[in-house]
Each structure stands twice: as structure tokens, then as C-alpha cells.
């Protein structure tokens, strides 16, 4: 599945979640429709700290529309960590990282191999 963009409302809500959880991380599972990320689910059983957020993907229902994940880096580092790279391989194709101050430019998108990717913000 090729993802071409993300809905502005979904992106804005993810930014707000990151801000509201700061300085703790958050993690969410992204869902797409026709190649556009439109929704997300906060994973049940998520354990969050100031340094990490994790959950068991097996806790999520099976869904053919799972696009990947979104999470925050309260440190502001908008690049995947080694732990992120291990997680990306288990959870979809596209991954978003958010950081403070959680503004319009404070996020990045990556493919599961850690390669940066551009996602159009769709109104």
C-alpha cells in the first residue's frame, strides 16, 4: 500500500496528543483509507515514560488498513532511534515522529526502513 498523504485533522490531533502527553511519549497506530492516513488508534496496554512508549502489537485488532505508527520524542529528536527501527519493522509501512513544541513543522515521516518520506497534508 502506498500512502500519499495525511488528513490535516488527523495530523493536528496527533500533534495535540503529543503536546498533552509531554514530557511523556505517546504511541498510536495509524489507519488509512485509499492511501490517505485519516485515523489513529491509541493502543491498549501502552506503557509510557519520559524516555519510551511501548505496547504489544498483538493487542491491536487485525486491520488491513493499518498504515504504521505515530509517536513522540519529547527530546525533540525527529529521527528514528534504534528502538524505533526495531518497532517499525513490526508495525506497518509508514511512521510519524512528533516533537516539541508540536507545531506544524515539528514532525517527520519515515518508511519502515527509516528512510524519510514526504506526506502531503490533505485538507
PDB file of N, CA and C in Angstrom:
ATOM      1  N   UNK A   1       0.850  -1.172   0.000  1.00  0.00           N
ATOM      2  CA  UNK A   1       0.000   0.000   0.000  1.00  0.00           C
ATOM      3  C   UNK A   1       0.892   1.230   0.000  1.00  0.00           C
ATOM      4  N   UNK A   2       0.600   2.142  -0.868  1.00  0.00           N
ATOM      5  CA  UNK A   2       1.335   3.403  -0.952  1.00  0.00           C
ATOM      6  C   UNK A   2       0.510   4.490  -0.272  1.00  0.00           C
ATOM      7  N   UNK A   3       1.104   5.152   0.679  1.00  0.00           N
ATOM      8  CA  UNK A   3       0.430   6.247   1.373  1.00  0.00           C
ATOM      9  C   UNK A   3       0.858   7.543   0.702  1.00  0.00           C
ATOM     10  N   UNK A   4      -0.107   8.361   0.313  1.00  0.00           N
ATOM     11  CA  UNK A   4       0.229   9.608  -0.372  1.00  0.00           C
ATOM     12  C   UNK A   4       0.074  10.830   0.512  1.00  0.00           C
ATOM     13  N   UNK A   5      -0.646  10.684   1.642  1.00  0.00           N
ATOM     14  CA  UNK A   5      -0.826  11.855   2.486  1.00  0.00           C
ATOM     15  C   UNK A   5      -1.506  11.546   3.797  1.00  0.00           C
ATOM     16  N   UNK A   6      -1.720  12.622   4.553  1.00  0.00           N
ATOM     17  CA  UNK A   6      -2.387  12.536   5.848  1.00  0.00           C
ATOM     18  C   UNK A   6      -3.387  13.685   5.934  1.00  0.00           C
ATOM     19  N   UNK A   7      -4.548  13.407   6.460  1.00  0.00           N
ATOM     20  CA  UNK A   7      -5.573  14.450   6.653  1.00  0.00           C
ATOM     21  C   UNK A   7      -5.099  15.442   7.705  1.00  0.00           C
ATOM     22  N   UNK A   8      -5.321  16.708   7.422  1.00  0.00           N
ATOM     23  CA  UNK A   8      -4.919  17.784   8.340  1.00  0.00           C
ATOM     24  C   UNK A   8      -5.514  17.554   9.725  1.00  0.00           C
ATOM     25  N   UNK A   9      -6.781  17.193   9.826  1.00  0.00           N
ATOM     26  CA  UNK A   9      -7.423  16.991  11.128  1.00  0.00           C
ATOM     27  C   UNK A   9      -6.722  15.893  11.939  1.00  0.00           C
ATOM     28  N   UNK A  10      -6.354  14.808  11.275  1.00  0.00           N
ATOM     29  CA  UNK A  10      -5.652  13.714  11.948  1.00  0.00           C
ATOM     30  C   UNK A  10      -4.275  14.186  12.415  1.00  0.00           C
ATOM     31  N   UNK A  11      -3.553  14.872  11.550  1.00  0.00           N
ATOM     32  CA  UNK A  11      -2.233  15.391  11.899  1.00  0.00           C
ATOM     33  C   UNK A  11      -2.315  16.352  13.079  1.00  0.00           C
ATOM     34  N   UNK A  12      -3.276  17.268  13.032  1.00  0.00           N
ATOM     35  CA  UNK A  12      -3.425  18.239  14.125  1.00  0.00           C
ATOM     36  C   UNK A  12      -3.756  17.557  15.444  1.00  0.00           C
ATOM     37  N   UNK A  13      -4.576  16.511  15.388  1.00  0.00           N
ATOM     38  CA  UNK A  13      -4.932  15.786  16.614  1.00  0.00           C
ATOM     39  C   UNK A  13      -3.715  15.044  17.166  1.00  0.00           C
ATOM     40  N   UNK A  14      -2.918  14.431  16.297  1.00  0.00           N
ATOM     41  CA  UNK A  14      -1.703  13.757  16.755  1.00  0.00           C
ATOM     42  C   UNK A  14      -0.732  14.749  17.388  1.00  0.00           C
ATOM     43  N   UNK A  15      -0.595  15.929  16.808  1.00  0.00           N
ATOM     44  CA  UNK A  15       0.262  16.962  17.399  1.00  0.00           C
ATOM     45  C   UNK A  15      -0.254  17.359  18.784  1.00  0.00           C
ATOM     46  N   UNK A  16      -1.568  17.491  18.910  1.00  0.00           N
ATOM     47  CA  UNK A  16      -2.174  17.862  20.196  1.00  0.00           C
ATOM     48  C   UNK A  16      -1.968  16.764  21.239  1.00  0.00           C
ATOM     49  N   UNK A  17      -2.060  15.503  20.824  1.00  0.00           N
ATOM     50  CA  UNK A  17      -1.811  14.395  21.757  1.00  0.00           C
ATOM     51  C   UNK A  17      -0.366  14.446  22.242  1.00  0.00           C
ATOM     52  N   UNK A  18       0.567  14.659  21.329  1.00  0.00           N
ATOM     53  CA  UNK A  18       1.965  14.767  21.729  1.00  0.00           C
ATOM     54  C   UNK A  18       2.179  15.879  22.741  1.00  0.00           C
ATOM     55  N   UNK A  19       1.573  17.030  22.475  1.00  0.00           N
ATOM     56  CA  UNK A  19       1.699  18.166  23.383  1.00  0.00           C
ATOM     57  C   UNK A  19       1.074  17.870  24.741  1.00  0.00           C
ATOM     58  N   UNK A  20      -0.099  17.234  24.746  1.00  0.00           N
ATOM     59  CA  UNK A  20      -0.794  16.972  26.015  1.00  0.00           C
ATOM     60  C   UNK A  20      -0.070  15.922  26.855  1.00  0.00           C
ATOM     61  N   UNK A  21       0.656  15.020  26.208  1.00  0.00           N
ATOM     62  CA  UNK A  21       1.378  13.966  26.932  1.00  0.00           C
ATOM     63  C   UNK A  21       2.783  14.375  27.355  1.00  0.00           C
ATOM     64  N   UNK A  22       3.282  15.456  26.776  1.00  0.00           N
ATOM     65  CA  UNK A  22       4.647  15.906  27.061  1.00  0.00           C
ATOM     66  C   UNK A  22       4.839  16.145  28.563  1.00  0.00           C
ATOM     67  N   UNK A  23       5.869  15.674  29.220  1.00  0.00           N
ATOM     68  CA  UNK A  23       7.103  15.134  28.677  1.00  0.00           C
ATOM     69  C   UNK A  23       7.118  13.617  28.511  1.00  0.00           C
ATOM     70  N   UNK A  24       5.966  12.969  28.600  1.00  0.00           N
ATOM     71  CA  UNK A  24       5.910  11.531  28.334  1.00  0.00           C
ATOM     72  C   UNK A  24       5.683  11.312  26.844  1.00  0.00           C
ATOM     73  N   UNK A  25       6.127  10.175  26.344  1.00  0.00           N
ATOM     74  CA  UNK A  25       5.887   9.816  24.958  1.00  0.00           C
ATOM     75  C   UNK A  25       4.451   9.330  24.793  1.00  0.00           C
ATOM     76  N   UNK A  26       3.988   9.343  23.559  1.00  0.00           N
ATOM     77  CA  UNK A  26       2.746   8.655  23.216  1.00  0.00           C
ATOM     78  C   UNK A  26       3.019   7.770  22.014  1.00  0.00           C
ATOM     79  N   UNK A  27       2.181   6.793  21.802  1.00  0.00           N
ATOM     80  CA  UNK A  27       2.280   5.933  20.616  1.00  0.00           C
ATOM     81  C   UNK A  27       0.872   5.637  20.128  1.00  0.00           C
ATOM     82  N   UNK A  28       0.707   5.636  18.813  1.00  0.00           N
ATOM     83  CA  UNK A  28      -0.593   5.376  18.192  1.00  0.00           C
ATOM     84  C   UNK A  28      -0.382   4.546  16.934  1.00  0.00           C
ATOM     85  N   UNK A  29      -1.429   3.866  16.520  1.00  0.00           N
ATOM     86  CA  UNK A  29      -1.428   3.084  15.288  1.00  0.00           C
ATOM     87  C   UNK A  29      -2.220   3.867  14.247  1.00  0.00           C
ATOM     88  N   UNK A  30      -1.600   4.092  13.090  1.00  0.00           N
ATOM     89  CA  UNK A  30      -2.220   4.866  12.019  1.00  0.00           C
ATOM     90  C   UNK A  30      -3.080   3.983  11.127  1.00  0.00           C
ATOM     91  N   UNK A  31      -4.202   4.535  10.690  1.00  0.00           N
ATOM     92  CA  UNK A  31      -5.104   3.812   9.783  1.00  0.00           C
ATOM     93  C   UNK A  31      -5.333   4.657   8.540  1.00  0.00           C
ATOM     94  N   UNK A  32      -5.375   3.984   7.382  1.00  0.00           N
ATOM     95  CA  UNK A  32      -5.536   4.689   6.119  1.00  0.00           C
ATOM     96  C   UNK A  32      -6.807   4.252   5.393  1.00  0.00           C
ATOM     97  N   UNK A  33      -7.250   5.133   4.506  1.00  0.00           N
ATOM     98  CA  UNK A  33      -8.338   4.825   3.579  1.00  0.00           C
ATOM     99  C   UNK A  33      -7.914   5.368   2.225  1.00  0.00           C
ATOM    100  N   UNK A  34      -7.849   4.502   1.235  1.00  0.00           N
ATOM    101  CA  UNK A  34      -7.471   4.890  -0.130  1.00  0.00           C
ATOM    102  C   UNK A  34      -6.155   5.659  -0.178  1.00  0.00           C
ATOM    103  N   UNK A  35      -5.176   5.225   0.605  1.00  0.00           N
ATOM    104  CA  UNK A  35      -3.853   5.819   0.568  1.00  0.00           C
ATOM    105  C   UNK A  35      -3.686   7.104   1.354  1.00  0.00           C
ATOM    106  N   UNK A  36      -4.675   7.445   2.178  1.00  0.00           N
ATOM    107  CA  UNK A  36      -4.600   8.656   3.000  1.00  0.00           C
ATOM    108  C   UNK A  36      -4.765   8.260   4.465  1.00  0.00           C
ATOM    109  N   UNK A  37      -3.817   8.681   5.301  1.00  0.00           N
ATOM    110  CA  UNK A  37      -3.929   8.440   6.745  1.00  0.00           C
ATOM    111  C   UNK A  37      -5.021   9.363   7.267  1.00  0.00           C
ATOM    112  N   UNK A  38      -6.069   8.757   7.815  1.00  0.00           N
ATOM    113  CA  UNK A  38      -7.233   9.531   8.254  1.00  0.00           C
ATOM    114  C   UNK A  38      -7.567   9.356   9.720  1.00  0.00           C
ATOM    115  N   UNK A  39      -7.092   8.281  10.320  1.00  0.00           N
ATOM    116  CA  UNK A  39      -7.461   7.968  11.698  1.00  0.00           C
ATOM    117  C   UNK A  39      -6.271   7.353  12.416  1.00  0.00           C
ATOM    118  N   UNK A  40      -6.393   7.285  13.726  1.00  0.00           N
ATOM    119  CA  UNK A  40      -5.412   6.563  14.522  1.00  0.00           C
ATOM    120  C   UNK A  40      -6.104   5.971  15.722  1.00  0.00           C
ATOM    121  N   UNK A  41      -5.479   4.953  16.269  1.00  0.00           N
ATOM    122  CA  UNK A  41      -5.940   4.307  17.495  1.00  0.00           C
ATOM    123  C   UNK A  41      -4.823   4.374  18.516  1.00  0.00           C
ATOM    124  N   UNK A  42      -5.174   4.764  19.726  1.00  0.00           N
ATOM    125  CA  UNK A  42      -4.221   4.657  20.830  1.00  0.00           C
ATOM    126  C   UNK A  42      -4.253   3.209  21.275  1.00  0.00           C
ATOM    127  N   UNK A  43      -3.106   2.620  21.392  1.00  0.00           N
ATOM    128  CA  UNK A  43      -3.014   1.189  21.654  1.00  0.00           C
ATOM    129  C   UNK A  43      -3.356   0.853  23.096  1.00  0.00           C
ATOM    130  N   UNK A  44      -4.182  -0.180  23.305  1.00  0.00           N
ATOM    131  CA  UNK A  44      -4.468  -0.610  24.675  1.00  0.00           C
ATOM    132  C   UNK A  44      -3.221  -1.215  25.312  1.00  0.00           C
ATOM    133  N   UNK A  45      -3.079  -1.005  26.599  1.00  0.00           N
ATOM    134  CA  UNK A  45      -1.949  -1.577  27.319  1.00  0.00           C
ATOM    135  C   UNK A  45      -0.637  -0.861  27.078  1.00  0.00           C
ATOM    136  N   UNK A  46      -0.692   0.367  26.567  1.00  0.00           N
ATOM    137  CA  UNK A  46       0.529   1.122  26.306  1.00  0.00           C
ATOM    138  C   UNK A  46       1.192   1.518  27.615  1.00  0.00           C
ATOM    139  N   UNK A  47       2.502   1.348  27.678  1.00  0.00           N
ATOM    140  CA  UNK A  47       3.302   1.763  28.819  1.00  0.00           C
ATOM    141  C   UNK A  47       4.140   2.951  28.356  1.00  0.00           C
ATOM    142  N   UNK A  48       3.981   4.101  29.031  1.00  0.00           N
ATOM    143  CA  UNK A  48       4.706   5.302  28.611  1.00  0.00           C
ATOM    144  C   UNK A  48       5.566   5.841  29.750  1.00  0.00           C
ATOM    145  N   UNK A  49       6.706   6.395  29.350  1.00  0.00           N
ATOM    146  CA  UNK A  49       7.595   7.079  30.278  1.00  0.00           C
ATOM    147  C   UNK A  49       8.110   8.329  29.564  1.00  0.00           C
ATOM    148  N   UNK A  50       9.008   9.028  30.211  1.00  0.00           N
ATOM    149  CA  UNK A  50       9.627  10.186  29.571  1.00  0.00           C
ATOM    150  C   UNK A  50      10.634   9.764  28.510  1.00  0.00           C
ATOM    151  N   UNK A  51      11.024   8.491  28.505  1.00  0.00           N
ATOM    152  CA  UNK A  51      12.043   8.023  27.565  1.00  0.00           C
ATOM    153  C   UNK A  51      11.527   7.031  26.542  1.00  0.00           C
ATOM    154  N   UNK A  52      10.329   6.494  26.750  1.00  0.00           N
ATOM    155  CA  UNK A  52       9.841   5.495  25.794  1.00  0.00           C
ATOM    156  C   UNK A  52       8.337   5.314  25.913  1.00  0.00           C
ATOM    157  N   UNK A  53       7.800   4.697  24.890  1.00  0.00           N
ATOM    158  CA  UNK A  53       6.397   4.273  24.881  1.00  0.00           C
ATOM    159  C   UNK A  53       6.361   2.947  24.154  1.00  0.00           C
ATOM    160  N   UNK A  54       5.626   2.029  24.680  1.00  0.00           N
ATOM    161  CA  UNK A  54       5.582   0.728  24.039  1.00  0.00           C
ATOM    162  C   UNK A  54       4.276   0.009  24.299  1.00  0.00           C
ATOM    163  N   UNK A  55       3.967  -0.868  23.390  1.00  0.00           N
ATOM    164  CA  UNK A  55       2.795  -1.726  23.527  1.00  0.00           C
ATOM    165  C   UNK A  55       3.036  -2.977  22.712  1.00  0.00           C
ATOM    166  N   UNK A  56       2.211  -3.940  22.906  1.00  0.00           N
ATOM    167  CA  UNK A  56       2.312  -5.175  22.155  1.00  0.00           C
ATOM    168  C   UNK A  56       1.376  -5.093  20.941  1.00  0.00           C
ATOM    169  N   UNK A  57       1.926  -5.113  19.718  1.00  0.00           N
ATOM    170  CA  UNK A  57       1.063  -5.050  18.532  1.00  0.00           C
ATOM    171  C   UNK A  57       0.001  -6.147  18.507  1.00  0.00           C
ATOM    172  N   UNK A  58       0.253  -7.225  19.214  1.00  0.00           N
ATOM    173  CA  UNK A  58      -0.728  -8.306  19.263  1.00  0.00           C
ATOM    174  C   UNK A  58      -2.009  -7.887  19.979  1.00  0.00           C
ATOM    175  N   UNK A  59      -1.955  -6.785  20.729  1.00  0.00           N
ATOM    176  CA  UNK A  59      -3.134  -6.272  21.429  1.00  0.00           C
ATOM    177  C   UNK A  59      -4.098  -5.551  20.478  1.00  0.00           C
ATOM    178  N   UNK A  60      -3.616  -5.207  19.270  1.00  0.00           N
ATOM    179  CA  UNK A  60      -4.443  -4.478  18.315  1.00  0.00           C
ATOM    180  C   UNK A  60      -5.266  -5.460  17.491  1.00  0.00           C
ATOM    181  N   UNK A  61      -6.492  -5.055  17.127  1.00  0.00           N
ATOM    182  CA  UNK A  61      -7.278  -5.911  16.247  1.00  0.00           C
ATOM    183  C   UNK A  61      -6.644  -5.986  14.863  1.00  0.00           C
ATOM    184  N   UNK A  62      -6.838  -7.087  14.168  1.00  0.00           N
ATOM    185  CA  UNK A  62      -6.348  -7.217  12.804  1.00  0.00           C
ATOM    186  C   UNK A  62      -7.072  -6.200  11.934  1.00  0.00           C
ATOM    187  N   UNK A  63      -6.326  -5.519  11.083  1.00  0.00           N
ATOM    188  CA  UNK A  63      -6.920  -4.465  10.265  1.00  0.00           C
ATOM    189  C   UNK A  63      -6.085  -4.296   9.003  1.00  0.00           C
ATOM    190  N   UNK A  64      -6.680  -4.487   7.854  1.00  0.00           N
ATOM    191  CA  UNK A  64      -5.950  -4.346   6.601  1.00  0.00           C
ATOM    192  C   UNK A  64      -5.648  -2.886   6.277  1.00  0.00           C
ATOM    193  N   UNK A  65      -6.181  -1.958   7.058  1.00  0.00           N
ATOM    194  CA  UNK A  65      -5.957  -0.538   6.814  1.00  0.00           C
ATOM    195  C   UNK A  65      -4.904   0.070   7.751  1.00  0.00           C
ATOM    196  N   UNK A  66      -4.179  -0.781   8.484  1.00  0.00           N
ATOM    197  CA  UNK A  66      -3.103  -0.275   9.327  1.00  0.00           C
ATOM    198  C   UNK A  66      -1.982   0.226   8.432  1.00  0.00           C
ATOM    199  N   UNK A  67      -1.627   1.503   8.592  1.00  0.00           N
ATOM    200  CA  UNK A  67      -0.596   2.120   7.746  1.00  0.00           C
ATOM    201  C   UNK A  67       0.760   2.157   8.440  1.00  0.00           C
ATOM    202  N   UNK A  68       0.764   2.189   9.772  1.00  0.00           N
ATOM    203  CA  UNK A  68       2.008   2.300  10.514  1.00  0.00           C
ATOM    204  C   UNK A  68       1.756   2.857  11.892  1.00  0.00           C
ATOM    205  N   UNK A  69       2.674   3.711  12.355  1.00  0.00           N
ATOM    206  CA  UNK A  69       2.574   4.205  13.717  1.00  0.00           C
ATOM    207  C   UNK A  69       2.900   5.695  13.791  1.00  0.00           C
ATOM    208  N   UNK A  70       2.545   6.269  14.918  1.00  0.00           N
ATOM    209  CA  UNK A  70       2.925   7.640  15.254  1.00  0.00           C
ATOM    210  C   UNK A  70       3.347   7.631  16.710  1.00  0.00           C
ATOM    211  N   UNK A  71       4.399   8.372  17.010  1.00  0.00           N
ATOM    212  CA  UNK A  71       4.797   8.518  18.408  1.00  0.00           C
ATOM    213  C   UNK A  71       5.583   9.811  18.569  1.00  0.00           C
ATOM    214  N   UNK A  72       5.803  10.177  19.806  1.00  0.00           N
ATOM    215  CA  UNK A  72       6.526  11.416  20.081  1.00  0.00           C
ATOM    216  C   UNK A  72       7.913  11.120  20.619  1.00  0.00           C
ATOM    217  N   UNK A  73       8.779  12.093  20.394  1.00  0.00           N
ATOM    218  CA  UNK A  73      10.100  12.128  21.005  1.00  0.00           C
ATOM    219  C   UNK A  73      10.165  13.422  21.804  1.00  0.00           C
ATOM    220  N   UNK A  74       9.843  13.385  23.091  1.00  0.00           N
ATOM    221  CA  UNK A  74       9.872  14.601  23.906  1.00  0.00           C
ATOM    222  C   UNK A  74      11.224  15.306  23.901  1.00  0.00           C
ATOM    223  N   UNK A  75      12.284  14.595  23.550  1.00  0.00           N
ATOM    224  CA  UNK A  75      13.608  15.205  23.464  1.00  0.00           C
ATOM    225  C   UNK A  75      13.709  16.173  22.294  1.00  0.00           C
ATOM    226  N   UNK A  76      12.794  16.028  21.321  1.00  0.00           N
ATOM    227  CA  UNK A  76      12.829  16.869  20.132  1.00  0.00           C
ATOM    228  C   UNK A  76      13.579  16.253  18.970  1.00  0.00           C
ATOM    229  N   UNK A  77      14.199  15.091  19.146  1.00  0.00           N
ATOM    230  CA  UNK A  77      14.929  14.421  18.067  1.00  0.00           C
ATOM    231  C   UNK A  77      13.923  13.847  17.072  1.00  0.00           C
ATOM    232  N   UNK A  78      13.861  14.410  15.894  1.00  0.00           N
ATOM    233  CA  UNK A  78      12.879  13.981  14.897  1.00  0.00           C
ATOM    234  C   UNK A  78      13.494  12.990  13.913  1.00  0.00           C
ATOM    235  N   UNK A  79      14.081  11.952  14.461  1.00  0.00           N
ATOM    236  CA  UNK A  79      14.656  10.872  13.668  1.00  0.00           C
ATOM    237  C   UNK A  79      14.467   9.575  14.451  1.00  0.00           C
ATOM    238  N   UNK A  80      14.393   8.461  13.746  1.00  0.00           N
ATOM    239  CA  UNK A  80      14.170   7.181  14.438  1.00  0.00           C
ATOM    240  C   UNK A  80      15.367   6.761  15.281  1.00  0.00           C
ATOM    241  N   UNK A  81      15.065   6.268  16.465  1.00  0.00           N
ATOM    242  CA  UNK A  81      16.095   5.683  17.335  1.00  0.00           C
ATOM    243  C   UNK A  81      16.288   4.219  16.933  1.00  0.00           C
ATOM    244  N   UNK A  82      17.263   3.568  17.524  1.00  0.00           N
ATOM    245  CA  UNK A  82      17.463   2.138  17.282  1.00  0.00           C
ATOM    246  C   UNK A  82      16.219   1.351  17.688  1.00  0.00           C
ATOM    247  N   UNK A  83      15.611   1.727  18.820  1.00  0.00           N
ATOM    248  CA  UNK A  83      14.389   1.044  19.273  1.00  0.00           C
ATOM    249  C   UNK A  83      13.250   1.279  18.283  1.00  0.00           C
ATOM    250  N   UNK A  84      13.159   2.491  17.732  1.00  0.00           N
ATOM    251  CA  UNK A  84      12.139   2.773  16.724  1.00  0.00           C
ATOM    252  C   UNK A  84      12.315   1.856  15.525  1.00  0.00           C
ATOM    253  N   UNK A  85      13.538   1.701  15.071  1.00  0.00           N
ATOM    254  CA  UNK A  85      13.793   0.871  13.894  1.00  0.00           C
ATOM    255  C   UNK A  85      13.370  -0.573  14.122  1.00  0.00           C
ATOM    256  N   UNK A  86      13.576  -1.080  15.323  1.00  0.00           N
ATOM    257  CA  UNK A  86      13.117  -2.446  15.630  1.00  0.00           C
ATOM    258  C   UNK A  86      11.586  -2.505  15.614  1.00  0.00           C
ATOM    259  N   UNK A  87      10.944  -1.468  16.132  1.00  0.00           N
ATOM    260  CA  UNK A  87       9.483  -1.419  16.180  1.00  0.00           C
ATOM    261  C   UNK A  87       8.883  -1.224  14.787  1.00  0.00           C
ATOM    262  N   UNK A  88       9.473  -0.342  13.977  1.00  0.00           N
ATOM    263  CA  UNK A  88       8.923  -0.051  12.658  1.00  0.00           C
ATOM    264  C   UNK A  88       8.729  -1.321  11.839  1.00  0.00           C
ATOM    265  N   UNK A  89       9.656  -2.237  11.940  1.00  0.00           N
ATOM    266  CA  UNK A  89       9.572  -3.466  11.169  1.00  0.00           C
ATOM    267  C   UNK A  89       8.398  -4.352  11.539  1.00  0.00           C
ATOM    268  N   UNK A  90       7.792  -4.092  12.685  1.00  0.00           N
ATOM    269  CA  UNK A  90       6.668  -4.919  13.163  1.00  0.00           C
ATOM    270  C   UNK A  90       5.312  -4.261  12.959  1.00  0.00           C
ATOM    271  N   UNK A  91       5.288  -2.984  12.545  1.00  0.00           N
ATOM    272  CA  UNK A  91       4.025  -2.249  12.581  1.00  0.00           C
ATOM    273  C   UNK A  91       3.834  -1.376  11.331  1.00  0.00           C
ATOM    274  N   UNK A  92       3.507  -1.969  10.208  1.00  0.00           N
ATOM    275  CA  UNK A  92       3.136  -1.184   9.036  1.00  0.00           C
ATOM    276  C   UNK A  92       4.303  -0.601   8.275  1.00  0.00           C
ATOM    277  N   UNK A  93       3.985   0.264   7.321  1.00  0.00           N
ATOM    278  CA  UNK A  93       4.967   0.790   6.384  1.00  0.00           C
ATOM    279  C   UNK A  93       5.395   2.231   6.634  1.00  0.00           C
ATOM    280  N   UNK A  94       4.573   3.029   7.293  1.00  0.00           N
ATOM    281  CA  UNK A  94       4.832   4.454   7.458  1.00  0.00           C
ATOM    282  C   UNK A  94       4.774   4.834   8.938  1.00  0.00           C
ATOM    283  N   UNK A  95       5.719   5.701   9.341  1.00  0.00           N
ATOM    284  CA  UNK A  95       5.840   6.022  10.758  1.00  0.00           C
ATOM    285  C   UNK A  95       6.098   7.512  10.930  1.00  0.00           C
ATOM    286  N   UNK A  96       5.360   8.125  11.844  1.00  0.00           N
ATOM    287  CA  UNK A  96       5.478   9.547  12.117  1.00  0.00           C
ATOM    288  C   UNK A  96       6.108   9.755  13.485  1.00  0.00           C
ATOM    289  N   UNK A  97       7.001  10.736  13.565  1.00  0.00           N
ATOM    290  CA  UNK A  97       7.614  11.112  14.844  1.00  0.00           C
ATOM    291  C   UNK A  97       7.326  12.594  15.075  1.00  0.00           C
ATOM    292  N   UNK A  98       6.825  12.915  16.256  1.00  0.00           N
ATOM    293  CA  UNK A  98       6.475  14.285  16.647  1.00  0.00           C
ATOM    294  C   UNK A  98       7.390  14.731  17.778  1.00  0.00           C
ATOM    295  N   UNK A  99       7.664  16.032  17.827  1.00  0.00           N
ATOM    296  CA  UNK A  99       8.491  16.565  18.903  1.00  0.00           C
ATOM    297  C   UNK A  99       8.062  17.962  19.295  1.00  0.00           C
ATOM    298  N   UNK A 100       8.543  18.426  20.447  1.00  0.00           N
ATOM    299  CA  UNK A 100       8.180  19.761  20.922  1.00  0.00           C
ATOM    300  C   UNK A 100       8.754  20.832  19.996  1.00  0.00           C
ATOM    301  N   UNK A 101       8.062  21.931  19.855  1.00  0.00           N
ATOM    302  CA  UNK A 101       6.850  22.326  20.586  1.00  0.00           C
ATOM    303  C   UNK A 101       5.547  21.829  19.939  1.00  0.00           C
ATOM    304  N   UNK A 102       5.629  20.827  19.080  1.00  0.00           N
ATOM    305  CA  UNK A 102       4.463  20.175  18.463  1.00  0.00           C
ATOM    306  C   UNK A 102       3.721  21.130  17.525  1.00  0.00           C
ATOM    307  N   UNK A 103       4.479  21.981  16.859  1.00  0.00           N
ATOM    308  CA  UNK A 103       3.916  22.893  15.872  1.00  0.00           C
ATOM    309  C   UNK A 103       3.779  22.219  14.514  1.00  0.00           C
ATOM    310  N   UNK A 104       3.396  23.002  13.526  1.00  0.00           N
ATOM    311  CA  UNK A 104       3.132  22.460  12.186  1.00  0.00           C
ATOM    312  C   UNK A 104       4.348  21.823  11.529  1.00  0.00           C
ATOM    313  N   UNK A 105       5.541  22.236  11.905  1.00  0.00           N
ATOM    314  CA  UNK A 105       6.766  21.704  11.293  1.00  0.00           C
ATOM    315  C   UNK A 105       7.490  20.691  12.184  1.00  0.00           C
ATOM    316  N   UNK A 106       6.903  20.370  13.329  1.00  0.00           N
ATOM    317  CA  UNK A 106       7.587  19.540  14.324  1.00  0.00           C
ATOM    318  C   UNK A 106       7.208  18.066  14.230  1.00  0.00           C
ATOM    319  N   UNK A 107       7.292  17.536  13.009  1.00  0.00           N
ATOM    320  CA  UNK A 107       7.033  16.117  12.786  1.00  0.00           C
ATOM    321  C   UNK A 107       7.767  15.691  11.518  1.00  0.00           C
ATOM    322  N   UNK A 108       8.030  14.394  11.434  1.00  0.00           N
ATOM    323  CA  UNK A 108       8.666  13.812  10.262  1.00  0.00           C
ATOM    324  C   UNK A 108       8.017  12.461   9.991  1.00  0.00           C
ATOM    325  N   UNK A 109       8.078  12.055   8.722  1.00  0.00           N
ATOM    326  CA  UNK A 109       7.539  10.756   8.304  1.00  0.00           C
ATOM    327  C   UNK A 109       8.677   9.895   7.765  1.00  0.00           C
ATOM    328  N   UNK A 110       8.579   8.602   8.039  1.00  0.00           N
ATOM    329  CA  UNK A 110       9.609   7.652   7.631  1.00  0.00           C
ATOM    330  C   UNK A 110       8.966   6.373   7.120  1.00  0.00           C
ATOM    331  N   UNK A 111       9.656   5.706   6.213  1.00  0.00           N
ATOM    332  CA  UNK A 111       9.273   4.348   5.818  1.00  0.00           C
ATOM    333  C   UNK A 111       9.801   3.388   6.884  1.00  0.00           C
ATOM    334  N   UNK A 112       9.377   2.153   6.808  1.00  0.00           N
ATOM    335  CA  UNK A 112       9.761   1.183   7.839  1.00  0.00           C
ATOM    336  C   UNK A 112      11.262   0.953   7.909  1.00  0.00           C
ATOM    337  N   UNK A 113      12.007   1.249   6.831  1.00  0.00           N
ATOM    338  CA  UNK A 113      13.462   1.098   6.864  1.00  0.00           C
ATOM    339  C   UNK A 113      14.173   2.350   7.377  1.00  0.00           C
ATOM    340  N   UNK A 114      13.411   3.359   7.821  1.00  0.00           N
ATOM    341  CA  UNK A 114      13.980   4.580   8.373  1.00  0.00           C
ATOM    342  C   UNK A 114      14.222   5.675   7.354  1.00  0.00           C
ATOM    343  N   UNK A 115      13.926   5.419   6.085  1.00  0.00           N
ATOM    344  CA  UNK A 115      14.090   6.418   5.036  1.00  0.00           C
ATOM    345  C   UNK A 115      13.044   7.513   5.202  1.00  0.00           C
ATOM    346  N   UNK A 116      13.465   8.789   5.231  1.00  0.00           N
ATOM    347  CA  UNK A 116      12.466   9.878   5.300  1.00  0.00           C
ATOM    348  C   UNK A 116      11.575   9.855   4.068  1.00  0.00           C
ATOM    349  N   UNK A 117      10.321  10.213   4.270  1.00  0.00           N
ATOM    350  CA  UNK A 117       9.354  10.255   3.175  1.00  0.00           C
ATOM    351  C   UNK A 117       8.483  11.478   3.321  1.00  0.00           C
ATOM    352  N   UNK A 118       8.104  12.082   2.210  1.00  0.00           N
ATOM    353  CA  UNK A 118       7.208  13.230   2.221  1.00  0.00           C
ATOM    354  C   UNK A 118       5.762  12.739   2.213  1.00  0.00           C
ATOM    355  N   UNK A 119       4.940  13.274   3.103  1.00  0.00           N
ATOM    356  CA  UNK A 119       3.500  13.012   3.086  1.00  0.00           C
ATOM    357  C   UNK A 119       2.790  14.350   2.893  1.00  0.00           C
ATOM    358  N   UNK A 120       1.933  14.404   1.897  1.00  0.00           N
ATOM    359  CA  UNK A 120       1.132  15.597   1.655  1.00  0.00           C
ATOM    360  C   UNK A 120       0.116  15.753   2.787  1.00  0.00           C
ATOM    361  N   UNK A 121      -0.065  16.975   3.255  1.00  0.00           N
ATOM    362  CA  UNK A 121      -1.102  17.263   4.240  1.00  0.00           C
ATOM    363  C   UNK A 121      -2.345  17.645   3.446  1.00  0.00           C
ATOM    364  N   UNK A 122      -3.377  16.847   3.598  1.00  0.00           N
ATOM    365  CA  UNK A 122      -4.609  16.992   2.811  1.00  0.00           C
ATOM    366  C   UNK A 122      -5.687  17.632   3.649  1.00  0.00           C
ATOM    367  N   UNK A 123      -6.213  18.744   3.137  1.00  0.00           N
ATOM    368  CA  UNK A 123      -7.268  19.478   3.861  1.00  0.00           C
ATOM    369  C   UNK A 123      -8.528  18.698   3.828  1.00  0.00           C
TER     370      UNK A 123
END
